[in-house]
Amino acid sequence: MSSFSTRMRKLNGPLRVLIVANVQKCFLAGGSFPVPGGDEIVDELNALKWAGGYDHVIAMQAFRPLNHKTHASQHPDKKMFEEVEISGITQMLVPDHAIQGRRGLSSHRSEADKLANLDTSPEFHDDLDMSHVIVFQHGLDRDIHSWSAFHDAGRSAPAAVKEKFPFLGRSTGVVEFIRGQAEVKGTNDVHVDIGGLSLEFFVRNSALDGRDHGYTVRVIKDACRAVGDDAEAVYAELKAKGCKVIRSSTAFRNGCQIRGSKPAQ
């Protein structure tokens, strides 16, 4: 690489991407696969989108066929959240959710209505600002979970299993998009911030896959929510594996520095 190209890459700075993970009605209060407190992060994510100084904002959308093989409804002899072998790897049975073609219910309906009518739609929360956001869908293949922004499940499966099930670990398209945008910006330095649902599954897997691809990864703690009560253990694991765990205020400060303005007091 020429010295001019090297100088240009330094001048351009890193490619900065915010990934908003699965802030969809099926994962929120009144949804079929709810994450406690999921509604609470919508305002935070909206603020990050505008104040974080990102080059691109990506929203990940689970978009599953009704007959997805990991839906517990497809296994009447099995229990919800039981682990079974599907497509050569162990996969967890989950509630029907993010069903293609299902229309969502209001994010602001009554608590009684939420309890009586669980939302299985793939639609985003009504208040999530989707302007200037790039949507990538995942979970379209009925044979495999897709619990990462970057790859379907099974990426680390043995070669013999992958030969039999070649779709394992397939890319969602996000890696290719980021590579292309980094080339356009003239940089090899990619910084990815992640917030959304749920911490233990999609956020965690996305963060670790991002590190595998050589990105600088930060998980925004106050813009995530967990299904269970082991959030701190997940954050500790992410830190141990090279990810950063920050609060949104840090991202806001970064954004202000990039734009040359002062952070709000």
Protein backbone atom coordinates (compact mmCIF):
# COMPACT_ATOMS: atom_id res chain seq x y z
CA MET A 1 0.00 0.00 0.00
CA SER A 2 1.37 3.45 -0.91
CA SER A 3 2.17 6.01 1.78
CA PHE A 4 -0.62 8.19 0.31
CA SER A 5 -3.18 5.40 0.74
CA THR A 6 -2.00 4.83 4.29
CA ARG A 7 -2.39 8.53 5.10
CA MET A 8 -5.87 8.58 3.55
CA ARG A 9 -7.02 5.59 5.62
CA LYS A 10 -5.87 7.31 8.80
CA LEU A 11 -7.52 10.57 7.74
CA ASN A 12 -10.84 8.90 6.94
CA GLY A 13 -11.02 7.21 10.33
CA PRO A 14 -12.82 3.94 11.09
CA LEU A 15 -16.09 2.81 9.59
CA ARG A 16 -18.57 3.10 12.46
CA VAL A 17 -21.71 0.93 12.43
CA LEU A 18 -24.59 0.63 14.90
CA ILE A 19 -26.43 -2.69 14.88
CA VAL A 20 -29.95 -2.59 16.36
CA ALA A 21 -30.89 -6.16 17.17
CA ASN A 22 -34.44 -7.47 16.84
CA VAL A 23 -36.49 -4.70 18.45
CA GLN A 24 -39.61 -6.43 17.16
CA LYS A 25 -43.09 -6.81 18.56
CA CYS A 26 -42.77 -10.55 19.12
CA PHE A 27 -39.83 -9.92 21.49
CA LEU A 28 -41.53 -7.15 23.48
CA ALA A 29 -44.27 -7.05 26.11
CA GLY A 30 -47.29 -8.83 24.63
CA GLY A 31 -45.12 -10.77 22.20
CA SER A 32 -44.84 -14.53 21.87
CA PHE A 33 -41.16 -14.56 22.89
CA PRO A 34 -40.88 -11.51 25.17
CA VAL A 35 -37.67 -10.09 26.60
CA PRO A 36 -38.36 -8.33 29.94
CA GLY A 37 -37.89 -4.59 29.64
CA GLY A 38 -37.45 -4.73 25.88
CA ASP A 39 -39.68 -1.69 25.34
CA GLU A 40 -37.40 0.37 27.59
CA ILE A 41 -34.51 0.51 25.12
CA VAL A 42 -36.37 2.03 22.16
CA ASP A 43 -35.73 5.66 23.11
CA GLU A 44 -32.09 4.89 23.86
CA LEU A 45 -31.57 3.28 20.47
CA ASN A 46 -33.29 6.15 18.69
CA ALA A 47 -30.99 8.62 20.46
CA LEU A 48 -27.90 6.55 19.62
CA LYS A 49 -28.85 6.47 15.98
CA TRP A 50 -28.80 10.25 15.71
CA ALA A 51 -26.11 11.17 18.25
CA GLY A 52 -23.61 8.33 17.96
CA GLY A 53 -21.78 9.57 14.87
CA TYR A 54 -22.34 6.37 12.89
CA ASP A 55 -21.69 5.91 9.20
CA HIS A 56 -24.47 3.32 9.00
CA VAL A 57 -27.27 2.00 11.20
CA ILE A 58 -28.33 -1.59 10.59
CA ALA A 59 -31.54 -3.07 12.01
CA MET A 60 -31.63 -6.85 12.24
CA GLN A 61 -35.07 -8.38 11.74
CA ALA A 62 -35.93 -11.98 12.53
CA PHE A 63 -38.19 -13.11 9.67
CA ARG A 64 -39.10 -16.76 10.06
CA PRO A 65 -41.38 -19.13 8.16
CA LEU A 66 -44.31 -20.50 10.16
CA ASN A 67 -42.99 -24.06 9.81
CA HIS A 68 -39.51 -23.27 11.07
CA LYS A 69 -38.11 -26.50 12.46
CA THR A 70 -36.99 -24.86 15.71
CA HIS A 71 -40.53 -23.77 16.58
CA ALA A 72 -41.74 -25.91 19.45
CA SER A 73 -45.12 -26.13 17.72
CA GLN A 74 -43.46 -28.37 15.12
CA HIS A 75 -42.52 -30.90 17.83
CA PRO A 76 -45.64 -31.77 19.85
CA ASP A 77 -43.75 -34.52 21.68
CA LYS A 78 -41.06 -32.09 22.91
CA LYS A 79 -40.98 -29.35 25.53
CA MET A 80 -40.47 -25.65 24.99
CA PHE A 81 -36.76 -24.71 25.13
CA GLU A 82 -35.75 -28.36 24.91
CA GLU A 83 -32.59 -28.93 22.88
CA VAL A 84 -32.85 -31.31 19.93
CA GLU A 85 -30.73 -32.21 16.93
CA ILE A 86 -31.82 -30.44 13.76
CA SER A 87 -29.66 -30.17 10.63
CA GLY A 88 -26.81 -31.99 12.32
CA ILE A 89 -26.39 -29.62 15.26
CA THR A 90 -28.06 -29.06 18.63
CA GLN A 91 -30.77 -26.40 18.44
CA MET A 92 -33.22 -25.06 21.02
CA LEU A 93 -36.98 -25.26 20.52
CA VAL A 94 -38.58 -21.83 20.89
CA PRO A 95 -42.03 -20.22 20.66
CA ASP A 96 -43.39 -19.35 17.25
CA HIS A 97 -42.19 -15.80 16.61
CA ALA A 98 -41.31 -13.30 13.88
CA ILE A 99 -43.61 -15.12 11.48
CA GLN A 100 -43.46 -13.91 7.90
CA GLY A 101 -46.74 -12.33 6.78
CA ARG A 102 -48.15 -11.77 10.27
CA ARG A 103 -49.40 -8.24 10.91
CA GLY A 104 -48.36 -6.73 14.19
CA LEU A 105 -50.57 -5.38 16.95
CA SER A 106 -50.15 -1.91 18.44
CA SER A 107 -47.11 -1.42 20.65
CA HIS A 108 -49.31 0.74 22.86
CA ARG A 109 -52.27 -1.60 23.45
CA SER A 110 -53.52 -2.35 26.95
CA GLU A 111 -51.75 -4.76 29.29
CA ALA A 112 -54.84 -6.98 29.32
CA ASP A 113 -54.83 -7.15 25.52
CA LYS A 114 -51.12 -7.99 25.52
CA LEU A 115 -51.77 -10.93 27.83
CA ALA A 116 -54.76 -12.14 25.82
CA ASN A 117 -53.30 -11.80 22.32
CA LEU A 118 -49.63 -12.62 21.94
CA ASP A 119 -47.98 -10.94 18.96
CA THR A 120 -46.02 -13.29 16.69
CA SER A 121 -45.33 -10.72 13.97
CA PRO A 122 -41.87 -9.70 12.73
CA GLU A 123 -42.75 -5.99 12.78
CA PHE A 124 -40.52 -3.49 14.58
CA HIS A 125 -41.72 -1.55 17.63
CA ASP A 126 -43.99 1.28 16.49
CA ASP A 127 -41.71 3.92 18.03
CA LEU A 128 -38.40 2.64 16.67
CA ASP A 129 -37.10 5.27 14.23
CA MET A 130 -36.49 3.40 10.98
CA SER A 131 -35.54 6.38 8.81
CA HIS A 132 -32.12 6.01 7.16
CA VAL A 133 -31.80 2.49 8.57
CA ILE A 134 -30.68 -0.55 6.55
CA VAL A 135 -32.67 -3.69 7.37
CA PHE A 136 -31.13 -7.15 7.17
CA GLN A 137 -33.44 -10.11 7.72
CA HIS A 138 -32.37 -13.39 9.29
CA GLY A 139 -34.00 -16.69 10.21
CA LEU A 140 -35.48 -17.21 6.76
CA ASP A 141 -34.20 -20.79 6.46
CA ARG A 142 -36.57 -23.18 8.25
CA ASP A 143 -33.75 -25.62 8.97
CA ILE A 144 -31.52 -23.43 11.12
CA HIS A 145 -31.54 -20.83 13.89
CA SER A 146 -30.03 -17.46 13.06
CA TRP A 147 -28.89 -15.90 16.30
CA SER A 148 -26.22 -13.53 15.05
CA ALA A 149 -26.17 -10.42 12.89
CA PHE A 150 -23.42 -12.00 10.81
CA HIS A 151 -24.06 -15.74 10.42
CA ASP A 152 -26.70 -18.42 10.77
CA ALA A 153 -26.05 -21.04 13.43
CA GLY A 154 -23.60 -23.87 12.83
CA ARG A 155 -20.61 -21.81 11.76
CA SER A 156 -18.29 -23.87 13.97
CA ALA A 157 -19.81 -27.26 13.10
CA PRO A 158 -17.39 -30.03 12.04
CA ALA A 159 -16.49 -30.14 8.35
CA ALA A 160 -18.34 -33.43 7.85
CA VAL A 161 -21.54 -31.93 9.22
CA LYS A 162 -21.16 -28.83 7.05
CA GLU A 163 -20.65 -31.02 4.01
CA LYS A 164 -24.01 -32.66 4.69
CA PHE A 165 -25.73 -29.38 5.62
CA PRO A 166 -23.92 -26.72 3.55
CA PHE A 167 -26.19 -23.91 4.73
CA LEU A 168 -24.75 -24.04 8.27
CA GLY A 169 -23.05 -20.80 9.24
CA ARG A 170 -24.28 -19.01 6.13
CA SER A 171 -23.72 -15.25 6.04
CA THR A 172 -26.62 -12.88 6.62
CA GLY A 173 -25.02 -10.39 4.22
CA VAL A 174 -23.90 -7.95 6.90
CA VAL A 175 -20.22 -8.92 6.67
CA GLU A 176 -20.22 -8.31 2.92
CA PHE A 177 -22.02 -4.98 3.36
CA ILE A 178 -19.51 -3.79 5.96
CA ARG A 179 -16.58 -4.90 3.80
CA GLY A 180 -17.94 -2.95 0.85
CA GLN A 181 -18.58 0.19 2.87
CA ALA A 182 -15.12 0.01 4.45
CA GLU A 183 -13.62 -0.12 0.97
CA VAL A 184 -15.67 2.89 -0.08
CA LYS A 185 -14.46 4.82 2.96
CA GLY A 186 -10.90 3.67 2.39
CA THR A 187 -10.32 1.97 5.72
CA ASN A 188 -9.69 -1.47 7.17
CA ASP A 189 -10.71 -0.28 10.64
CA VAL A 190 -14.30 -1.22 11.49
CA HIS A 191 -16.01 -0.29 14.77
CA VAL A 192 -19.35 -1.95 15.53
CA ASP A 193 -21.67 -0.98 18.40
CA ILE A 194 -24.53 -3.34 19.26
CA GLY A 195 -27.75 -2.86 21.20
CA GLY A 196 -31.05 -4.69 21.26
CA LEU A 197 -32.55 -8.08 22.07
CA SER A 198 -31.74 -10.40 23.55
CA LEU A 199 -28.42 -10.08 25.30
CA GLU A 200 -27.72 -13.79 25.91
CA PHE A 201 -28.47 -14.90 22.39
CA PHE A 202 -28.42 -12.49 19.47
CA VAL A 203 -26.38 -9.67 20.98
CA ARG A 204 -23.77 -12.02 22.47
CA ASN A 205 -23.37 -14.10 19.32
CA SER A 206 -23.19 -11.00 17.12
CA ALA A 207 -20.51 -9.45 19.32
CA LEU A 208 -18.36 -12.58 19.29
CA ASP A 209 -18.77 -13.06 15.53
CA GLY A 210 -17.83 -9.41 15.04
CA ARG A 211 -14.61 -9.94 16.98
CA ASP A 212 -13.87 -13.00 14.86
CA HIS A 213 -14.09 -10.76 11.80
CA GLY A 214 -11.56 -8.36 13.30
CA TYR A 215 -13.96 -5.56 14.23
CA THR A 216 -13.70 -3.41 17.31
CA VAL A 217 -16.95 -4.34 19.06
CA ARG A 218 -18.77 -2.48 21.82
CA VAL A 219 -21.96 -3.74 23.44
CA ILE A 220 -24.06 -0.87 24.78
CA LYS A 221 -25.22 -2.04 28.15
CA ASP A 222 -28.17 0.30 28.71
CA ALA A 223 -29.45 -0.40 25.18
CA CYS A 224 -29.71 -4.17 25.71
CA ARG A 225 -32.02 -6.40 27.69
CA ALA A 226 -31.65 -10.04 28.69
CA VAL A 227 -34.18 -12.87 28.77
CA GLY A 228 -32.82 -14.25 32.05
CA ASP A 229 -30.96 -12.98 35.09
CA ASP A 230 -27.40 -13.78 34.01
CA ALA A 231 -26.67 -10.52 32.17
CA GLU A 232 -23.56 -9.72 34.20
CA ALA A 233 -22.08 -13.12 33.39
CA VAL A 234 -22.63 -12.44 29.69
CA TYR A 235 -20.97 -9.03 29.94
CA ALA A 236 -18.02 -10.60 31.76
CA GLU A 237 -17.65 -13.22 29.01
CA LEU A 238 -17.77 -10.57 26.28
CA LYS A 239 -15.08 -8.51 27.99
CA ALA A 240 -12.89 -11.60 28.45
CA LYS A 241 -13.19 -12.33 24.72
CA GLY A 242 -12.15 -8.86 23.58
CA CYS A 243 -15.40 -6.93 23.34
CA LYS A 244 -15.99 -3.67 25.15
CA VAL A 245 -19.06 -3.08 27.28
CA ILE A 246 -20.03 0.58 27.51
CA ARG A 247 -22.93 2.82 28.38
CA SER A 248 -24.67 4.91 25.75
CA SER A 249 -23.19 8.10 27.23
CA THR A 250 -19.79 6.96 25.95
CA ALA A 251 -21.17 6.48 22.45
CA PHE A 252 -22.77 9.93 22.62
CA ARG A 253 -19.42 11.49 23.56
CA ASN A 254 -17.75 9.68 20.65
CA GLY A 255 -20.42 10.97 18.29
CA CYS A 256 -19.98 14.55 19.44
CA GLN A 257 -16.21 14.30 19.00
CA ILE A 258 -16.65 12.98 15.46
CA ARG A 259 -18.98 15.85 14.56
CA GLY A 260 -16.79 18.41 16.31
CA SER A 261 -19.49 19.50 18.77
CA LYS A 262 -19.68 19.40 22.53
CA PRO A 263 -21.60 16.67 24.31
CA ALA A 264 -24.84 17.71 25.99
CA GLN A 265 -24.44 18.54 29.67
